[in-house]
Amino acid sequence: MKAMILAAGRGERMRPLTDQMPKPLLLVAGKPLIVWHLESLAESGLREVVINHAHLGAQIEATLGDGSRWGLSIRYSAEPEGALETAGGIANALPLLGSEDPFLVINGDIFCDWNFAKAATVLMSDDLAHLVLVPNPTHHPNGDFFLTANRVAAETDAEASSGANSGLNTFCGIGIYRPQLFAGIERGRPAKLAPLLREAMTARRVSGELHSGRWVDVGTPQRLADLDARLRSL
């Protein structure tokens, strides 16, 4: 299975740190945030990685190279300044990810100890996506999606509004997707992921799980500093 790390965001909330450096290269406990992902992928046996970039993307390529130092093969999907949104970036990278087999996608600006080795086995044959959800953090108390057993539903779905669900949880930025989910997106055009997922949820083709381990949305300088201190204390 191939993996994609989303690294094209501008990181506005991280300014001024991201004025001169792309967010995935910001240091956490002595190494770039994205390197924590690369090390976890290598430990999990996933070797082929695609990284998209836009803002200061040349720095990402110069820092990570071909991935050989981690035993990985890294290929890059460059996007125009301003990027293509999440689904647009994934669709743009499909020639590198392949048009047949599912692939793992990881937000470059999170820290999570979910076991990437599970990615090859969690997607059921009829599903288009499998999402890793987490309990709602204080900065996102209302959550994103409902999780019942292993099915994910949007708040507007009839089943979700019936009271049969266990409640809203937050999408952690890790998902396994089939290429078919992005078939309707024109390469090179911006597109958001949430509408695609909600359409697939309505068709009951999205599974999911609740991860209770370590997860941080590294979206602000304070969260970056908190994560750095936490990891240094381990």
Protein backbone atom coordinates (compact mmCIF):
# COMPACT_ATOMS: atom_id res chain seq x y z
CA MET A 1 0.00 0.00 0.00
CA LYS A 2 1.18 3.52 -0.85
CA ALA A 3 0.89 6.44 1.54
CA MET A 4 0.39 10.13 0.89
CA ILE A 5 1.32 12.92 3.29
CA LEU A 6 -0.55 16.18 2.77
CA ALA A 7 2.00 18.99 3.06
CA ALA A 8 0.73 21.73 0.77
CA GLY A 9 -1.04 23.98 3.28
CA ARG A 10 0.11 27.54 3.87
CA GLY A 11 -0.14 27.29 7.67
CA GLU A 12 -1.69 30.71 8.25
CA ARG A 13 -2.40 30.04 11.93
CA MET A 14 1.27 29.16 12.40
CA ARG A 15 2.56 32.50 11.21
CA PRO A 16 5.16 33.92 11.60
CA LEU A 17 6.77 30.47 11.95
CA THR A 18 5.57 29.46 8.48
CA ASP A 19 6.64 32.65 6.71
CA GLN A 20 10.05 31.17 6.03
CA MET A 21 9.43 27.44 6.50
CA PRO A 22 6.61 25.08 5.47
CA LYS A 23 4.63 23.81 8.45
CA PRO A 24 5.58 20.11 8.06
CA LEU A 25 9.25 21.05 8.55
CA LEU A 26 8.72 22.79 11.88
CA LEU A 27 10.75 21.02 14.55
CA VAL A 28 9.17 18.86 17.23
CA ALA A 29 11.54 17.34 19.78
CA GLY A 30 14.47 17.96 17.50
CA LYS A 31 13.13 16.76 14.15
CA PRO A 32 10.65 17.98 11.54
CA LEU A 33 7.02 17.12 12.20
CA ILE A 34 6.77 15.26 8.89
CA VAL A 35 9.74 13.05 9.81
CA TRP A 36 7.73 11.56 12.66
CA HIS A 37 5.30 10.34 9.99
CA LEU A 38 8.07 9.01 7.78
CA GLU A 39 9.62 7.06 10.64
CA SER A 40 6.24 5.57 11.58
CA LEU A 41 5.56 4.58 7.98
CA ALA A 42 8.93 2.88 7.71
CA GLU A 43 8.38 1.02 10.98
CA SER A 44 4.97 -0.12 9.70
CA GLY A 45 6.41 -1.53 6.49
CA LEU A 46 4.90 1.06 4.14
CA ARG A 47 7.70 2.06 1.79
CA GLU A 48 6.19 4.09 -1.05
CA VAL A 49 5.28 7.64 -0.08
CA VAL A 50 3.85 10.56 -2.04
CA ILE A 51 4.10 14.08 -0.61
CA ASN A 52 2.27 17.05 -2.09
CA HIS A 53 3.55 20.56 -1.54
CA ALA A 54 2.95 24.16 -2.55
CA HIS A 55 4.11 26.81 -0.05
CA LEU A 56 7.94 26.69 0.05
CA GLY A 57 7.75 23.19 -1.37
CA ALA A 58 11.35 23.19 -2.55
CA GLN A 59 12.41 23.15 1.09
CA ILE A 60 10.46 19.94 1.66
CA GLU A 61 12.13 18.20 -1.28
CA ALA A 62 15.58 19.46 -0.26
CA THR A 63 15.12 18.31 3.34
CA LEU A 64 13.59 14.89 2.71
CA GLY A 65 15.14 13.94 -0.62
CA ASP A 66 14.20 10.56 -2.04
CA GLY A 67 13.44 9.08 1.38
CA SER A 68 16.26 6.55 1.27
CA ARG A 69 17.62 7.57 4.68
CA TRP A 70 14.42 6.10 6.18
CA GLY A 71 14.28 3.14 3.83
CA LEU A 72 11.46 4.81 1.90
CA SER A 73 10.83 5.87 -1.68
CA ILE A 74 9.42 9.40 -1.74
CA ARG A 75 7.86 11.03 -4.78
CA TYR A 76 6.50 14.56 -4.89
CA SER A 77 3.32 16.10 -6.26
CA ALA A 78 3.88 19.82 -6.73
CA GLU A 79 0.90 22.17 -6.62
CA PRO A 80 0.53 25.85 -7.51
CA GLU A 81 0.88 28.46 -4.78
CA GLY A 82 -2.37 28.42 -2.84
CA ALA A 83 -2.62 24.63 -3.24
CA LEU A 84 -5.60 22.56 -4.43
CA GLU A 85 -7.45 21.78 -1.19
CA THR A 86 -7.37 18.24 0.19
CA ALA A 87 -9.37 16.31 -2.42
CA GLY A 88 -7.87 18.34 -5.26
CA GLY A 89 -4.39 17.56 -4.01
CA ILE A 90 -5.13 13.86 -3.74
CA ALA A 91 -6.70 13.77 -7.21
CA ASN A 92 -3.68 15.59 -8.61
CA ALA A 93 -1.42 12.91 -7.15
CA LEU A 94 -3.38 9.90 -8.44
CA PRO A 95 -0.86 9.20 -11.25
CA LEU A 96 1.68 8.58 -8.46
CA LEU A 97 -0.72 6.79 -6.10
CA GLY A 98 -2.30 4.53 -8.71
CA SER A 99 -5.82 4.12 -10.03
CA GLU A 100 -6.66 0.67 -8.65
CA ASP A 101 -5.52 0.04 -5.08
CA PRO A 102 -6.49 1.87 -1.88
CA PHE A 103 -3.95 4.20 -0.32
CA LEU A 104 -3.32 5.81 3.05
CA VAL A 105 -3.50 9.60 3.42
CA ILE A 106 -2.08 11.47 6.42
CA ASN A 107 -2.34 15.15 7.24
CA GLY A 108 1.17 16.54 7.51
CA ASP A 109 0.28 18.83 10.41
CA ILE A 110 -0.82 16.24 12.96
CA PHE A 111 0.98 14.01 15.42
CA CYS A 112 -0.62 10.61 15.97
CA ASP A 113 0.43 7.17 17.19
CA TRP A 114 -2.19 5.25 15.17
CA ASN A 115 -0.57 2.11 13.78
CA PHE A 116 -0.11 2.67 10.05
CA ALA A 117 0.38 -1.07 9.55
CA LYS A 118 -3.40 -1.44 10.02
CA ALA A 119 -4.08 0.59 6.88
CA ALA A 120 -3.81 -2.39 4.54
CA THR A 121 -6.57 -4.36 6.28
CA VAL A 122 -9.26 -1.94 7.49
CA LEU A 123 -11.03 -1.01 4.24
CA MET A 124 -13.93 -3.31 3.41
CA SER A 125 -14.55 -4.40 -0.18
CA ASP A 126 -17.59 -2.19 -0.83
CA ASP A 127 -16.33 0.91 0.98
CA LEU A 128 -14.72 3.97 -0.56
CA ALA A 129 -13.10 5.26 2.62
CA HIS A 130 -12.08 4.37 6.15
CA LEU A 131 -11.60 7.26 8.59
CA VAL A 132 -9.70 7.37 11.85
CA LEU A 133 -11.65 9.45 14.37
CA VAL A 134 -10.65 10.73 17.79
CA PRO A 135 -12.53 12.13 20.81
CA ASN A 136 -13.26 15.81 20.31
CA PRO A 137 -10.42 18.07 21.48
CA THR A 138 -11.15 21.26 23.39
CA HIS A 139 -10.44 23.39 20.31
CA HIS A 140 -12.98 21.41 18.23
CA PRO A 141 -15.70 20.43 20.71
CA ASN A 142 -18.51 19.82 18.21
CA GLY A 143 -16.75 17.12 16.21
CA ASP A 144 -17.16 16.18 12.55
CA PHE A 145 -18.87 12.82 12.01
CA PHE A 146 -20.96 10.21 13.78
CA LEU A 147 -19.48 6.76 14.41
CA THR A 148 -21.78 3.79 15.04
CA ALA A 149 -20.04 0.44 15.29
CA ASN A 150 -17.68 0.77 12.33
CA ARG A 151 -19.88 3.02 10.16
CA VAL A 152 -19.34 6.76 9.75
CA ALA A 153 -22.20 9.14 9.01
CA ALA A 154 -22.59 12.86 8.53
CA GLU A 155 -24.73 14.85 10.93
CA THR A 156 -27.35 15.48 8.25
CA ASP A 157 -27.87 11.79 7.46
CA ALA A 158 -31.19 10.36 8.54
CA GLU A 159 -29.59 7.64 10.62
CA ALA A 160 -27.41 10.17 12.41
CA SER A 161 -30.38 12.34 13.33
CA SER A 162 -32.41 9.39 14.62
CA GLY A 163 -30.50 9.21 17.90
CA ALA A 164 -29.06 5.78 17.06
CA ASN A 165 -25.50 7.09 16.96
CA SER A 166 -22.99 7.31 19.74
CA GLY A 167 -22.19 10.97 19.03
CA LEU A 168 -19.96 13.17 16.99
CA ASN A 169 -16.23 12.56 16.88
CA THR A 170 -13.39 14.43 15.21
CA PHE A 171 -11.71 13.28 12.00
CA CYS A 172 -8.04 13.05 12.94
CA GLY A 173 -6.60 13.56 9.46
CA ILE A 174 -5.83 9.90 8.69
CA GLY A 175 -7.86 8.04 6.09
CA ILE A 176 -7.67 5.13 3.68
CA TYR A 177 -9.30 5.82 0.33
CA ARG A 178 -10.08 4.10 -2.93
CA PRO A 179 -9.06 6.07 -6.02
CA GLN A 180 -12.67 5.88 -7.24
CA LEU A 181 -13.66 8.38 -4.54
CA PHE A 182 -11.81 11.06 -6.50
CA ALA A 183 -12.83 9.99 -10.01
CA GLY A 184 -15.05 13.01 -10.58
CA ILE A 185 -12.40 15.61 -9.75
CA GLU A 186 -10.53 17.26 -12.58
CA ARG A 187 -6.79 17.19 -12.00
CA GLY A 188 -5.34 20.58 -11.23
CA ARG A 189 -8.62 22.00 -9.87
CA PRO A 190 -9.18 22.76 -6.16
CA ALA A 191 -11.68 20.46 -4.42
CA LYS A 192 -12.62 19.82 -0.81
CA LEU A 193 -12.69 16.36 0.75
CA ALA A 194 -15.70 16.72 3.06
CA PRO A 195 -18.38 16.81 0.31
CA LEU A 196 -16.98 13.62 -1.24
CA LEU A 197 -16.98 11.88 2.13
CA ARG A 198 -20.52 12.99 2.96
CA GLU A 199 -21.79 11.68 -0.37
CA ALA A 200 -20.10 8.34 0.28
CA MET A 201 -21.49 8.30 3.84
CA THR A 202 -25.00 8.76 2.51
CA ALA A 203 -24.41 5.64 0.40
CA ARG A 204 -23.09 3.87 3.53
CA ARG A 205 -19.68 3.34 1.98
CA VAL A 206 -17.50 4.86 4.72
CA SER A 207 -16.20 2.85 7.65
CA GLY A 208 -14.27 4.15 10.61
CA GLU A 209 -12.78 3.62 14.02
CA LEU A 210 -12.17 5.62 17.18
CA HIS A 211 -8.51 6.04 18.11
CA SER A 212 -7.97 6.62 21.81
CA GLY A 213 -4.19 7.04 21.66
CA ARG A 214 -2.03 10.11 21.26
CA TRP A 215 -3.17 12.69 18.71
CA VAL A 216 -2.45 16.39 18.30
CA ASP A 217 -3.65 18.78 15.63
CA VAL A 218 -0.52 20.92 15.46
CA GLY A 219 -2.41 23.96 14.25
CA THR A 220 -1.02 26.78 16.36
CA PRO A 221 2.39 27.79 17.76
CA GLN A 222 1.14 26.98 21.28
CA ARG A 223 0.12 23.42 20.33
CA LEU A 224 3.47 23.01 18.61
CA ALA A 225 5.29 24.12 21.76
CA ASP A 226 3.11 21.88 23.96
CA LEU A 227 3.79 18.85 21.77
CA ASP A 228 7.51 19.61 21.72
CA ALA A 229 7.63 19.76 25.51
CA ARG A 230 5.57 16.60 25.88
CA LEU A 231 7.74 14.53 23.55
CA ARG A 232 10.95 15.80 25.10
CA SER A 233 9.72 14.67 28.52
CA LEU A 234 9.13 11.07 27.43
